[in-house]
Amino acid sequence: MNIDYTIHPVLMGGLVKEVNENWVKVHLHGRLGVIEVPSCYILDQDQKPEVGHEMQFYFSYLQVNEEPYDYDSSPLKKEKAFFPCFIGGTITEVNDTAIKAEMMDAIGTVAVPRRWAFTDIPLAKGQNVEFYFSPMRIVGKRALPAECI
């Protein structure tokens, strides 16, 4: 069986839930997953990310690809543009409800519901995935105490 589908980048939003020296953990709005990336992928370098910051970025569904391409993630770091980049990764965890994938070139990790992965074969640890991702930008901050976020 061959499923015919095409993934496209979509403008997404999320809320910063954790920040450490070098990493930011963003929970996607709508309980759609969690993305962890180094802070160098935040475009607003003059403004340090904080718990409660609203983030905006491009993202897509994940597609399992048994024959991965030679992806190029360099635009994510070098160009510093708010533009999606087609990248690859590897599934590191699979359970009944979600999958987690490590993005190529130590970009970070993404954990999403299983329904966000397009494939016509059973999901398994070690499979290659591809998807769109962009650097993130800070677009606001929630007016709540950090312990409530």
C-alpha atoms as a PDB file:
ATOM      1  CA  MET A   1       0.000   0.000   0.000  1.00  0.00           C
ATOM      2  CA  ASN A   2       1.381   3.396  -0.941  1.00  0.00           C
ATOM      3  CA  ILE A   3      -0.075   6.505   0.682  1.00  0.00           C
ATOM      4  CA  ASP A   4      -0.029   9.596  -1.520  1.00  0.00           C
ATOM      5  CA  TYR A   5       0.574  12.767   0.520  1.00  0.00           C
ATOM      6  CA  THR A   6       2.678  15.886   0.574  1.00  0.00           C
ATOM      7  CA  ILE A   7       3.832  17.718   3.674  1.00  0.00           C
ATOM      8  CA  HIS A   8       3.825  21.510   3.782  1.00  0.00           C
ATOM      9  CA  PRO A   9       5.185  23.954   6.362  1.00  0.00           C
ATOM     10  CA  VAL A  10       2.577  25.713   8.495  1.00  0.00           C
ATOM     11  CA  LEU A  11       3.017  28.718  10.769  1.00  0.00           C
ATOM     12  CA  MET A  12       2.801  27.319  14.302  1.00  0.00           C
ATOM     13  CA  GLY A  13       2.890  28.697  17.809  1.00  0.00           C
ATOM     14  CA  GLY A  14       4.098  27.467  21.138  1.00  0.00           C
ATOM     15  CA  LEU A  15       4.882  28.491  24.679  1.00  0.00           C
ATOM     16  CA  VAL A  16       8.316  28.333  26.295  1.00  0.00           C
ATOM     17  CA  LYS A  17       8.014  26.043  29.321  1.00  0.00           C
ATOM     18  CA  GLU A  18      11.701  25.564  30.194  1.00  0.00           C
ATOM     19  CA  VAL A  19      14.942  27.404  29.528  1.00  0.00           C
ATOM     20  CA  ASN A  20      18.471  26.451  30.531  1.00  0.00           C
ATOM     21  CA  GLU A  21      21.866  27.859  29.521  1.00  0.00           C
ATOM     22  CA  ASN A  22      21.723  26.633  25.936  1.00  0.00           C
ATOM     23  CA  TRP A  23      18.321  25.023  25.331  1.00  0.00           C
ATOM     24  CA  VAL A  24      14.683  26.071  25.065  1.00  0.00           C
ATOM     25  CA  LYS A  25      11.710  23.729  25.487  1.00  0.00           C
ATOM     26  CA  VAL A  26       8.579  24.858  23.615  1.00  0.00           C
ATOM     27  CA  HIS A  27       5.165  23.234  24.065  1.00  0.00           C
ATOM     28  CA  LEU A  28       3.103  23.519  20.886  1.00  0.00           C
ATOM     29  CA  HIS A  29      -0.316  25.119  21.262  1.00  0.00           C
ATOM     30  CA  GLY A  30      -3.190  22.659  21.264  1.00  0.00           C
ATOM     31  CA  ARG A  31      -1.179  19.954  23.038  1.00  0.00           C
ATOM     32  CA  LEU A  32       0.378  19.054  19.688  1.00  0.00           C
ATOM     33  CA  GLY A  33       3.832  18.256  20.996  1.00  0.00           C
ATOM     34  CA  VAL A  34       7.104  19.541  22.370  1.00  0.00           C
ATOM     35  CA  ILE A  35      10.152  20.889  20.571  1.00  0.00           C
ATOM     36  CA  GLU A  36      13.540  21.313  22.257  1.00  0.00           C
ATOM     37  CA  VAL A  37      16.174  23.365  20.438  1.00  0.00           C
ATOM     38  CA  PRO A  38      19.389  25.191  21.251  1.00  0.00           C
ATOM     39  CA  SER A  39      18.793  28.881  21.910  1.00  0.00           C
ATOM     40  CA  CYS A  40      20.826  29.717  18.773  1.00  0.00           C
ATOM     41  CA  TYR A  41      17.664  28.821  16.801  1.00  0.00           C
ATOM     42  CA  ILE A  42      15.822  31.760  18.370  1.00  0.00           C
ATOM     43  CA  LEU A  43      16.019  34.680  15.949  1.00  0.00           C
ATOM     44  CA  ASP A  44      15.720  37.434  18.572  1.00  0.00           C
ATOM     45  CA  GLN A  45      19.244  37.045  19.976  1.00  0.00           C
ATOM     46  CA  ASP A  46      19.101  40.435  21.701  1.00  0.00           C
ATOM     47  CA  GLN A  47      16.126  39.158  23.735  1.00  0.00           C
ATOM     48  CA  LYS A  48      16.796  36.050  25.844  1.00  0.00           C
ATOM     49  CA  PRO A  49      13.998  33.473  25.771  1.00  0.00           C
ATOM     50  CA  GLU A  50      12.146  33.140  29.069  1.00  0.00           C
ATOM     51  CA  VAL A  51       9.454  30.868  30.468  1.00  0.00           C
ATOM     52  CA  GLY A  52       6.145  32.220  29.204  1.00  0.00           C
ATOM     53  CA  HIS A  53       7.398  33.619  25.910  1.00  0.00           C
ATOM     54  CA  GLU A  54       5.117  32.952  22.959  1.00  0.00           C
ATOM     55  CA  MET A  55       7.065  31.532  20.025  1.00  0.00           C
ATOM     56  CA  GLN A  56       6.233  31.390  16.337  1.00  0.00           C
ATOM     57  CA  PHE A  57       7.872  29.136  13.752  1.00  0.00           C
ATOM     58  CA  TYR A  58       7.212  26.988  10.703  1.00  0.00           C
ATOM     59  CA  PHE A  59       6.721  23.278  11.157  1.00  0.00           C
ATOM     60  CA  SER A  60       5.098  20.385   9.296  1.00  0.00           C
ATOM     61  CA  TYR A  61       3.942  16.840   9.764  1.00  0.00           C
ATOM     62  CA  LEU A  62       6.714  14.242   9.854  1.00  0.00           C
ATOM     63  CA  GLN A  63       7.042  11.856   6.944  1.00  0.00           C
ATOM     64  CA  VAL A  64       8.815   8.526   7.258  1.00  0.00           C
ATOM     65  CA  ASN A  65      11.316   8.155   4.419  1.00  0.00           C
ATOM     66  CA  GLU A  66      13.082   4.838   3.983  1.00  0.00           C
ATOM     67  CA  GLU A  67      15.538   6.448   1.559  1.00  0.00           C
ATOM     68  CA  PRO A  68      16.525   9.793   3.104  1.00  0.00           C
ATOM     69  CA  TYR A  69      17.802  12.663   1.006  1.00  0.00           C
ATOM     70  CA  ASP A  70      20.995  14.592   1.542  1.00  0.00           C
ATOM     71  CA  TYR A  71      19.317  17.316   3.626  1.00  0.00           C
ATOM     72  CA  ASP A  72      20.957  20.684   4.257  1.00  0.00           C
ATOM     73  CA  SER A  73      20.208  22.340   7.599  1.00  0.00           C
ATOM     74  CA  SER A  74      22.783  25.121   7.214  1.00  0.00           C
ATOM     75  CA  PRO A  75      20.160  27.797   6.321  1.00  0.00           C
ATOM     76  CA  LEU A  76      18.652  27.375   9.798  1.00  0.00           C
ATOM     77  CA  LYS A  77      21.799  28.685  11.472  1.00  0.00           C
ATOM     78  CA  LYS A  78      23.600  30.737   8.854  1.00  0.00           C
ATOM     79  CA  GLU A  79      20.831  32.724   7.184  1.00  0.00           C
ATOM     80  CA  LYS A  80      18.953  33.611  10.372  1.00  0.00           C
ATOM     81  CA  ALA A  81      15.803  34.011   8.306  1.00  0.00           C
ATOM     82  CA  PHE A  82      12.263  33.210   9.357  1.00  0.00           C
ATOM     83  CA  PHE A  83      11.854  30.660   6.599  1.00  0.00           C
ATOM     84  CA  PRO A  84      11.193  26.891   6.700  1.00  0.00           C
ATOM     85  CA  CYS A  85      13.962  24.443   5.875  1.00  0.00           C
ATOM     86  CA  PHE A  86      13.396  20.813   4.794  1.00  0.00           C
ATOM     87  CA  ILE A  87      15.366  18.637   7.213  1.00  0.00           C
ATOM     88  CA  GLY A  88      15.729  15.043   8.298  1.00  0.00           C
ATOM     89  CA  GLY A  89      15.808  13.199  11.570  1.00  0.00           C
ATOM     90  CA  THR A  90      15.571   9.821  13.245  1.00  0.00           C
ATOM     91  CA  ILE A  91      12.798   8.419  15.418  1.00  0.00           C
ATOM     92  CA  THR A  92      14.192   7.761  18.898  1.00  0.00           C
ATOM     93  CA  GLU A  93      10.998   6.773  20.748  1.00  0.00           C
ATOM     94  CA  VAL A  94       7.632   5.326  19.798  1.00  0.00           C
ATOM     95  CA  ASN A  95       4.740   4.600  22.156  1.00  0.00           C
ATOM     96  CA  ASP A  96       0.961   4.161  21.893  1.00  0.00           C
ATOM     97  CA  THR A  97       0.279   7.873  21.544  1.00  0.00           C
ATOM     98  CA  ALA A  98       3.419   9.708  20.408  1.00  0.00           C
ATOM     99  CA  ILE A  99       6.767   9.608  18.682  1.00  0.00           C
ATOM    100  CA  LYS A 100       9.968  11.477  19.405  1.00  0.00           C
ATOM    101  CA  ALA A 101      12.584  12.239  16.775  1.00  0.00           C
ATOM    102  CA  GLU A 102      16.052  13.681  16.971  1.00  0.00           C
ATOM    103  CA  MET A 103      16.607  16.317  14.318  1.00  0.00           C
ATOM    104  CA  MET A 104      19.711  16.114  12.143  1.00  0.00           C
ATOM    105  CA  ASP A 105      22.880  18.070  12.953  1.00  0.00           C
ATOM    106  CA  ALA A 106      22.003  18.356  16.675  1.00  0.00           C
ATOM    107  CA  ILE A 107      19.213  20.835  15.885  1.00  0.00           C
ATOM    108  CA  GLY A 108      17.119  19.390  18.702  1.00  0.00           C
ATOM    109  CA  THR A 109      14.224  17.025  19.286  1.00  0.00           C
ATOM    110  CA  VAL A 110      10.554  16.991  18.423  1.00  0.00           C
ATOM    111  CA  ALA A 111       7.868  14.921  20.153  1.00  0.00           C
ATOM    112  CA  VAL A 112       4.450  14.821  18.468  1.00  0.00           C
ATOM    113  CA  PRO A 113       1.323  12.651  18.460  1.00  0.00           C
ATOM    114  CA  ARG A 114       1.536   9.584  16.218  1.00  0.00           C
ATOM    115  CA  ARG A 115      -1.083  11.109  13.941  1.00  0.00           C
ATOM    116  CA  TRP A 116       1.537  13.708  12.958  1.00  0.00           C
ATOM    117  CA  ALA A 117       3.646  11.033  11.223  1.00  0.00           C
ATOM    118  CA  PHE A 118       2.756  10.052   7.660  1.00  0.00           C
ATOM    119  CA  THR A 119       3.729   6.520   6.773  1.00  0.00           C
ATOM    120  CA  ASP A 120       2.289   3.352   5.311  1.00  0.00           C
ATOM    121  CA  ILE A 121       4.551   1.134   7.452  1.00  0.00           C
ATOM    122  CA  PRO A 122       4.437   0.627  11.240  1.00  0.00           C
ATOM    123  CA  LEU A 123       6.330   3.323  13.163  1.00  0.00           C
ATOM    124  CA  ALA A 124       9.541   2.096  14.777  1.00  0.00           C
ATOM    125  CA  LYS A 125      12.605   3.434  16.547  1.00  0.00           C
ATOM    126  CA  GLY A 126      15.442   4.149  14.109  1.00  0.00           C
ATOM    127  CA  GLN A 127      13.270   5.128  11.127  1.00  0.00           C
ATOM    128  CA  ASN A 128      14.219   8.193   9.131  1.00  0.00           C
ATOM    129  CA  VAL A 129      11.801  11.112   9.037  1.00  0.00           C
ATOM    130  CA  GLU A 130      11.711  14.371   7.127  1.00  0.00           C
ATOM    131  CA  PHE A 131       9.826  17.585   7.812  1.00  0.00           C
ATOM    132  CA  TYR A 132       9.924  21.348   7.617  1.00  0.00           C
ATOM    133  CA  PHE A 133      11.239  23.459  10.476  1.00  0.00           C
ATOM    134  CA  SER A 134      12.327  27.076  10.845  1.00  0.00           C
ATOM    135  CA  PRO A 135      14.124  29.154  13.440  1.00  0.00           C
ATOM    136  CA  MET A 136      11.763  30.509  16.087  1.00  0.00           C
ATOM    137  CA  ARG A 137      10.880  34.076  16.895  1.00  0.00           C
ATOM    138  CA  ILE A 138       9.509  35.576  20.099  1.00  0.00           C
ATOM    139  CA  VAL A 139       6.114  37.190  19.507  1.00  0.00           C
ATOM    140  CA  GLY A 140       4.909  37.961  23.037  1.00  0.00           C
ATOM    141  CA  LYS A 141       4.773  36.818  26.637  1.00  0.00           C
ATOM    142  CA  ARG A 142       2.046  35.358  28.809  1.00  0.00           C
ATOM    143  CA  ALA A 143       1.147  37.518  31.798  1.00  0.00           C
ATOM    144  CA  LEU A 144       1.121  34.591  34.223  1.00  0.00           C
ATOM    145  CA  PRO A 145       3.502  33.584  37.004  1.00  0.00           C
ATOM    146  CA  ALA A 146       6.111  31.090  35.723  1.00  0.00           C
ATOM    147  CA  GLU A 147       4.810  28.323  38.020  1.00  0.00           C
ATOM    148  CA  CYS A 148       1.386  28.537  36.302  1.00  0.00           C
ATOM    149  CA  ILE A 149       2.751  28.154  32.776  1.00  0.00           C
END
